[in-house]
Amino acid sequence: MKTSITKIGLLFLGLFATISCSNDDNQNQPAPSSCNTANSEFNQLYAATLASNSSFTDVTTMDLQTHEYTFELSTNKTVCSIGYQGNANLYSAGIPYLIEIVDNSTSLVVFSGSYTFDSAVMDYKSITPTNLTAGTSYTLRRTVTNYLGNIGNTVGRLLRFNGPSPYPVSNTLMTITASDFYGTGGPVPDFGIPYIDIVFQ
């Protein structure tokens, strides 16, 4: 009996040592990439473009269902979050926006999701990680699928150019080459940059 207890004790001791080693190994694994929404590349580009010309304005306008911009990246990146500030009436009714990323070289939608965005603050939603390739043209769009019979509910924040388009606008990672607004009217190309934040790992 004493031998059995000793064997059982040794078995538990061996198992504990194995688990301890396994835990040490896991602690040495690299941490997963973070998704920092605090000051995205898009936000930096938006702010720099706004500051580049005194006639540019940061406004909430454009009562059309779809707001979108077309962009390219200088290096391969993975999208981890999309940020937007929604309309108050849509938010209170729980009506989502359709968010899509389209690969313009193939016309394929590489990401699609529906999200309800807070109307009081910028609201960020984690998305299925989506890989984007450097040098490929993509379009990021948000579409209001139900505007509750009031087209005014489709307005959104944007950088209005108030004159000729400055495209392309760029920083070290991202170049925005075009924008468009359409649906129940329009299109109104290159009027300004809609504030649809895209966050990379």
Protein backbone atom coordinates (compact mmCIF):
# COMPACT_ATOMS: atom_id res chain seq x y z
CA MET A 1 0.00 0.00 0.00
CA LYS A 2 2.84 2.35 0.95
CA THR A 3 4.52 1.59 -2.41
CA SER A 4 1.30 2.41 -4.30
CA ILE A 5 0.97 5.73 -2.48
CA THR A 6 4.63 6.52 -3.25
CA LYS A 7 4.12 5.69 -6.94
CA ILE A 8 0.98 7.83 -7.10
CA GLY A 9 2.86 10.67 -5.40
CA LEU A 10 5.73 10.40 -7.90
CA LEU A 11 3.24 10.33 -10.77
CA PHE A 12 1.62 13.57 -9.56
CA LEU A 13 5.03 15.16 -9.01
CA GLY A 14 6.06 14.26 -12.59
CA LEU A 15 2.78 15.61 -13.96
CA PHE A 16 3.19 18.86 -12.01
CA ALA A 17 6.76 19.29 -13.32
CA THR A 18 5.54 18.75 -16.91
CA ILE A 19 2.77 21.33 -16.51
CA SER A 20 5.20 23.80 -14.94
CA CYS A 21 7.64 23.42 -17.82
CA SER A 22 4.81 23.78 -20.30
CA ASN A 23 3.68 27.02 -18.63
CA ASP A 24 7.24 28.39 -18.74
CA ASP A 25 7.39 27.61 -22.46
CA ASN A 26 4.12 29.48 -23.07
CA GLN A 27 5.41 32.55 -21.22
CA ASN A 28 8.33 32.70 -23.63
CA GLN A 29 6.07 32.77 -26.70
CA PRO A 30 5.81 36.14 -28.46
CA ALA A 31 2.72 38.14 -27.54
CA PRO A 32 0.12 38.45 -30.28
CA SER A 33 0.15 41.69 -32.26
CA SER A 34 -1.92 44.40 -30.61
CA CYS A 35 -4.64 46.38 -32.32
CA ASN A 36 -4.02 49.95 -31.19
CA THR A 37 -6.86 52.30 -32.16
CA ALA A 38 -5.38 55.35 -30.40
CA ASN A 39 -3.73 57.06 -33.39
CA SER A 40 -4.10 55.02 -36.56
CA GLU A 41 -2.25 55.61 -39.82
CA PHE A 42 -5.57 56.72 -41.33
CA ASN A 43 -6.16 59.21 -38.51
CA GLN A 44 -2.66 60.66 -38.97
CA LEU A 45 -3.20 60.98 -42.74
CA TYR A 46 -6.64 62.56 -42.27
CA ALA A 47 -5.27 65.12 -39.77
CA ALA A 48 -2.24 65.97 -41.93
CA THR A 49 -4.42 66.44 -45.02
CA LEU A 50 -6.85 68.65 -43.09
CA ALA A 51 -3.95 70.79 -41.84
CA SER A 52 -2.38 71.06 -45.31
CA ASN A 53 -4.95 73.51 -46.70
CA SER A 54 -6.90 76.19 -44.81
CA SER A 55 -9.91 75.73 -47.10
CA PHE A 56 -10.35 72.08 -46.06
CA THR A 57 -12.99 71.48 -43.36
CA ASP A 58 -13.89 68.64 -40.99
CA VAL A 59 -17.69 68.37 -41.23
CA THR A 60 -20.64 66.01 -40.95
CA THR A 61 -22.51 66.03 -44.25
CA MET A 62 -23.25 64.16 -47.52
CA ASP A 63 -26.70 62.58 -47.29
CA LEU A 64 -25.97 59.59 -49.50
CA GLN A 65 -26.09 55.92 -48.51
CA THR A 66 -22.53 54.90 -49.36
CA HIS A 67 -19.37 56.76 -48.36
CA GLU A 68 -16.06 55.24 -49.51
CA TYR A 69 -12.41 55.88 -50.21
CA THR A 70 -9.83 54.04 -52.30
CA PHE A 71 -6.32 53.45 -50.99
CA GLU A 72 -3.07 51.53 -51.33
CA LEU A 73 -0.49 50.45 -48.75
CA SER A 74 3.29 50.53 -49.03
CA THR A 75 3.71 47.30 -47.02
CA ASN A 76 1.57 44.24 -46.39
CA LYS A 77 -0.73 44.79 -43.42
CA THR A 78 -3.50 43.03 -41.49
CA VAL A 79 -6.67 44.99 -40.68
CA CYS A 80 -7.82 44.28 -37.11
CA SER A 81 -10.42 47.00 -36.44
CA ILE A 82 -12.74 49.47 -38.15
CA GLY A 83 -13.81 52.71 -36.47
CA TYR A 84 -16.75 54.96 -37.22
CA GLN A 85 -19.05 57.45 -35.48
CA GLY A 86 -22.62 56.61 -36.39
CA ASN A 87 -25.81 58.60 -36.80
CA ALA A 88 -27.80 59.15 -33.58
CA ASN A 89 -31.12 57.96 -35.02
CA LEU A 90 -29.63 54.81 -36.52
CA TYR A 91 -27.76 54.09 -33.30
CA SER A 92 -30.84 54.46 -31.08
CA ALA A 93 -32.79 52.18 -33.45
CA GLY A 94 -29.98 49.58 -33.45
CA ILE A 95 -29.51 49.78 -37.21
CA PRO A 96 -26.08 48.64 -38.42
CA TYR A 97 -23.85 49.96 -41.17
CA LEU A 98 -22.47 47.57 -43.77
CA ILE A 99 -18.67 47.81 -43.84
CA GLU A 100 -16.82 46.35 -46.82
CA ILE A 101 -13.26 46.20 -48.12
CA VAL A 102 -13.04 45.53 -51.86
CA ASP A 103 -9.93 44.40 -53.76
CA ASN A 104 -10.19 46.58 -56.86
CA SER A 105 -7.84 44.38 -58.90
CA THR A 106 -10.30 41.47 -58.68
CA SER A 107 -13.54 43.26 -57.66
CA LEU A 108 -13.79 40.76 -54.80
CA VAL A 109 -15.09 41.78 -51.38
CA VAL A 110 -12.28 40.66 -49.05
CA PHE A 111 -14.11 41.74 -45.89
CA SER A 112 -17.77 42.37 -45.10
CA GLY A 113 -19.48 42.94 -41.76
CA SER A 114 -22.46 44.79 -40.25
CA TYR A 115 -21.92 46.96 -37.18
CA THR A 116 -23.88 49.41 -35.05
CA PHE A 117 -21.65 52.40 -34.26
CA ASP A 118 -22.09 54.72 -31.28
CA SER A 119 -23.16 58.24 -32.25
CA ALA A 120 -21.48 60.08 -29.35
CA VAL A 121 -17.88 58.93 -29.89
CA MET A 122 -15.68 57.14 -32.39
CA ASP A 123 -16.59 53.49 -31.97
CA TYR A 124 -14.12 50.74 -32.90
CA LYS A 125 -15.12 47.19 -33.81
CA SER A 126 -12.69 44.29 -33.93
CA ILE A 127 -13.02 42.44 -37.21
CA THR A 128 -11.87 39.09 -38.56
CA PRO A 129 -8.17 39.77 -39.30
CA THR A 130 -7.98 40.66 -42.99
CA ASN A 131 -4.69 40.66 -44.88
CA LEU A 132 -4.05 43.44 -47.40
CA THR A 133 -1.22 43.39 -49.94
CA ALA A 134 1.15 46.27 -50.64
CA GLY A 135 0.56 48.02 -53.97
CA THR A 136 -2.99 46.67 -54.40
CA SER A 137 -5.86 49.13 -54.74
CA TYR A 138 -8.61 48.64 -52.13
CA THR A 139 -11.85 50.47 -51.41
CA LEU A 140 -13.20 50.81 -47.87
CA ARG A 141 -16.91 51.62 -47.81
CA ARG A 142 -19.71 52.11 -45.31
CA THR A 143 -23.29 51.77 -46.46
CA VAL A 144 -26.52 52.65 -44.67
CA THR A 145 -28.93 49.85 -45.57
CA ASN A 146 -31.95 51.31 -43.71
CA TYR A 147 -32.12 55.07 -43.22
CA LEU A 148 -35.57 54.97 -41.56
CA GLY A 149 -37.18 56.94 -44.39
CA ASN A 150 -35.04 60.01 -43.65
CA ILE A 151 -32.09 60.48 -46.02
CA GLY A 152 -30.59 62.88 -43.46
CA ASN A 153 -29.70 59.80 -41.40
CA THR A 154 -27.03 58.88 -43.98
CA VAL A 155 -24.71 61.83 -43.31
CA GLY A 156 -21.27 61.16 -41.89
CA ARG A 157 -18.05 62.83 -40.85
CA LEU A 158 -15.68 63.75 -43.67
CA LEU A 159 -12.84 66.02 -44.67
CA ARG A 160 -14.41 68.30 -47.29
CA PHE A 161 -11.99 69.73 -49.85
CA ASN A 162 -14.02 72.85 -50.82
CA GLY A 163 -12.24 72.93 -54.16
CA PRO A 164 -10.08 70.72 -56.36
CA SER A 165 -9.19 67.28 -55.04
CA PRO A 166 -5.62 66.96 -53.71
CA TYR A 167 -5.48 63.21 -54.44
CA PRO A 168 -3.32 61.31 -53.99
CA VAL A 169 -2.67 62.09 -50.31
CA SER A 170 -0.25 59.89 -48.42
CA ASN A 171 2.00 59.16 -45.48
CA THR A 172 4.67 56.48 -45.11
CA LEU A 173 2.15 53.60 -45.09
CA MET A 174 -1.10 54.69 -46.73
CA THR A 175 -2.04 56.54 -49.91
CA ILE A 176 -5.65 57.58 -50.53
CA THR A 177 -6.23 57.91 -54.27
CA ALA A 178 -9.97 58.63 -54.58
CA SER A 179 -13.28 58.82 -52.76
CA ASP A 180 -16.94 58.62 -53.68
CA PHE A 181 -20.43 59.20 -52.26
CA TYR A 182 -23.55 57.67 -53.81
CA GLY A 183 -26.86 55.87 -53.24
CA THR A 184 -30.28 57.60 -53.52
CA GLY A 185 -28.33 60.28 -55.38
CA GLY A 186 -24.85 61.05 -56.61
CA PRO A 187 -22.30 59.92 -57.36
CA VAL A 188 -20.19 62.72 -55.93
CA PRO A 189 -16.59 61.64 -56.53
CA ASP A 190 -13.58 63.14 -54.74
CA PHE A 191 -15.65 65.56 -52.64
CA GLY A 192 -13.59 64.69 -49.56
CA ILE A 193 -12.33 61.84 -47.36
CA PRO A 194 -15.00 60.04 -45.31
CA TYR A 195 -13.81 59.36 -41.77
CA ILE A 196 -13.92 55.56 -41.77
CA ASP A 197 -10.95 54.57 -39.65
CA ILE A 198 -9.01 51.44 -40.60
CA VAL A 199 -6.63 50.04 -37.99
CA PHE A 200 -3.73 47.69 -38.71
CA GLN A 201 -1.90 45.24 -36.48
